Amino acid sequence: MGPRDSSNPVFHSVAPHFTVPDVVAASKYYCDVLGFRNLGFFGNPPVFAMVGRGPVEFFFNQSPEAASAKRVRAPVAYDAYVRVTGLDRFHEEISARGAKIIEGPLTRVYGMRELVIEDCHGLRIAFGEDPGK
C-alpha cells in the first residue's frame, strides 16, 4: 500500500470553527496578536472569516447572540489545543503584542510544555510543545 492508497486516509490538519459576535475583531486579534494571517472574509459586511499560521487554521462564524451566550467549559479545559515547536519564542512574540496569557509557559505533569491564552472573545487556546521532540 502506497501513500496514495485511498483505503488509508491521512489527516493533515484541523480547523476549529468558532461562533463569535464579531468576525472582523476575531481575525484582527489572531493576526495582530497571535501572528496568523487573514485567509479571507465572506459576506458584506463579513459574517465569516478564516485565519491561518502554517497548517493551523481557525474559522469564525458571526452571530451577535454569541456576545451574551454563556460559554460552558470545564475549569481546566480549552476551546482548542495547538501543538507547536518553539513555544518559548512564541510566548515572547505574543506577549510583546499584548496577548492575554492565562497560564504558562509551564511543564505539565504529563510532560507537555504549555501556554494558554484567552482571545478577544473569551476563547481559551492552549499551545503545547513536547519537550522530548
Protein backbone atom coordinates (compact mmCIF):
# COMPACT_ATOMS: atom_id res chain seq x y z
CA MET A 1 0.00 0.00 0.00
CA GLY A 2 1.48 3.31 -1.09
CA PRO A 3 0.95 6.80 0.32
CA ARG A 4 -1.76 7.48 -2.28
CA ASP A 5 -3.78 4.39 -1.36
CA SER A 6 -7.28 5.79 -0.77
CA SER A 7 -8.09 2.98 1.65
CA ASN A 8 -5.69 4.55 4.16
CA PRO A 9 -6.88 8.08 4.96
CA VAL A 10 -4.24 10.58 6.02
CA PHE A 11 -5.26 13.53 8.16
CA HIS A 12 -3.34 16.78 7.58
CA SER A 13 -4.90 19.43 9.77
CA VAL A 14 -8.00 20.57 11.60
CA ALA A 15 -9.66 23.97 11.57
CA PRO A 16 -11.76 24.68 14.67
CA HIS A 17 -14.88 26.63 13.76
CA PHE A 18 -15.99 29.13 16.41
CA THR A 19 -19.09 31.28 16.61
CA VAL A 20 -18.18 34.81 17.75
CA PRO A 21 -20.01 38.14 17.89
CA ASP A 22 -17.52 39.89 15.55
CA VAL A 23 -15.50 38.03 12.90
CA VAL A 24 -13.53 41.13 11.94
CA ALA A 25 -12.36 41.61 15.54
CA ALA A 26 -11.50 37.90 15.79
CA SER A 27 -9.44 38.00 12.60
CA LYS A 28 -7.67 41.18 13.70
CA TYR A 29 -6.78 39.65 17.07
CA TYR A 30 -5.43 36.41 15.62
CA CYS A 31 -3.41 38.29 13.00
CA ASP A 32 -2.15 41.26 15.04
CA VAL A 33 -1.57 39.47 18.35
CA LEU A 34 -1.01 35.78 17.54
CA GLY A 35 0.80 36.22 14.22
CA PHE A 36 -1.71 34.45 11.97
CA ARG A 37 -2.59 35.78 8.53
CA ASN A 38 -6.06 36.56 7.26
CA LEU A 39 -7.21 33.92 4.78
CA GLY A 40 -10.42 35.69 3.88
CA PHE A 41 -13.69 37.29 4.86
CA PHE A 42 -17.03 36.27 3.42
CA GLY A 43 -20.16 38.37 3.23
CA ASN A 44 -20.66 42.10 3.05
CA PRO A 45 -20.46 43.01 5.84
CA PRO A 46 -18.33 39.98 6.81
CA VAL A 47 -20.10 37.13 8.60
CA PHE A 48 -17.35 34.50 8.21
CA ALA A 49 -13.56 34.73 8.48
CA MET A 50 -10.59 32.41 8.28
CA VAL A 51 -7.07 32.85 9.66
CA GLY A 52 -4.04 30.61 9.39
CA ARG A 53 -0.49 30.17 10.56
CA GLY A 54 1.33 27.29 8.88
CA PRO A 55 -1.01 24.29 8.80
CA VAL A 56 -3.15 25.66 11.66
CA GLU A 57 -6.37 27.45 10.72
CA PHE A 58 -9.27 28.87 12.69
CA PHE A 59 -12.68 29.65 11.19
CA PHE A 60 -15.05 32.20 12.69
CA ASN A 61 -18.79 32.43 12.09
CA GLN A 62 -20.56 35.59 13.23
CA SER A 63 -23.59 35.65 15.48
CA PRO A 64 -24.44 38.69 17.62
CA GLU A 65 -26.01 36.32 20.15
CA ALA A 66 -22.54 34.88 20.85
CA ALA A 67 -21.71 38.01 22.86
CA SER A 68 -24.29 37.16 25.51
CA ALA A 69 -24.06 33.36 25.34
CA LYS A 70 -22.58 31.72 28.42
CA ARG A 71 -19.55 29.66 27.48
CA VAL A 72 -19.58 26.31 29.27
CA ARG A 73 -16.12 24.84 29.75
CA ALA A 74 -14.61 22.64 32.47
CA PRO A 75 -12.19 24.61 34.69
CA VAL A 76 -9.10 23.09 33.07
CA ALA A 77 -10.46 22.74 29.52
CA TYR A 78 -9.66 24.71 26.38
CA ASP A 79 -11.57 25.58 23.25
CA ALA A 80 -8.65 24.40 21.10
CA TYR A 81 -5.25 22.81 21.63
CA VAL A 82 -2.47 23.56 19.13
CA ARG A 83 0.79 21.60 19.11
CA VAL A 84 3.80 23.79 18.37
CA THR A 85 7.58 23.85 18.45
CA GLY A 86 9.38 26.95 19.67
CA LEU A 87 6.87 27.63 22.45
CA ASP A 88 9.11 29.99 24.42
CA ARG A 89 9.79 32.11 21.32
CA PHE A 90 6.06 32.14 20.53
CA HIS A 91 5.38 33.27 24.12
CA GLU A 92 7.86 36.15 23.72
CA GLU A 93 6.32 37.10 20.37
CA ILE A 94 2.70 37.22 21.54
CA SER A 95 3.50 38.75 24.94
CA ALA A 96 5.14 41.67 23.14
CA ARG A 97 1.92 42.10 21.14
CA GLY A 98 -0.29 42.19 24.23
CA ALA A 99 -1.74 38.67 24.30
CA LYS A 100 -3.78 37.81 27.37
CA ILE A 101 -1.72 34.99 28.86
CA ILE A 102 -3.81 32.86 31.21
CA GLU A 103 -1.08 30.43 32.15
CA GLY A 104 2.46 29.41 31.26
CA PRO A 105 4.59 28.57 29.67
CA LEU A 106 4.88 25.70 32.12
CA THR A 107 5.59 21.99 32.05
CA ARG A 108 2.64 19.77 32.94
CA VAL A 109 2.83 16.52 34.91
CA TYR A 110 2.23 14.65 31.63
CA GLY A 111 5.36 16.18 30.12
CA MET A 112 3.92 18.77 27.73
CA ARG A 113 5.10 22.36 27.96
CA GLU A 114 2.04 24.59 27.58
CA LEU A 115 0.93 28.18 27.18
CA VAL A 116 -2.74 29.17 27.49
CA ILE A 117 -4.17 32.41 26.09
CA GLU A 118 -7.61 33.94 26.05
CA ASP A 119 -8.61 35.71 22.84
CA CYS A 120 -10.71 38.84 22.36
CA HIS A 121 -13.94 36.82 22.60
CA GLY A 122 -13.01 34.72 25.63
CA LEU A 123 -11.93 31.60 23.72
CA ARG A 124 -9.14 29.75 25.51
CA ILE A 125 -6.46 28.35 23.25
CA ALA A 126 -3.66 26.15 24.59
CA PHE A 127 -0.38 25.87 22.72
CA GLY A 128 1.59 22.76 23.67
CA GLU A 129 5.13 21.64 22.91
CA ASP A 130 6.51 18.17 23.52
CA PRO A 131 9.96 18.92 25.00
CA GLY A 132 11.11 15.41 24.09
CA LYS A 133 10.75 16.06 20.36
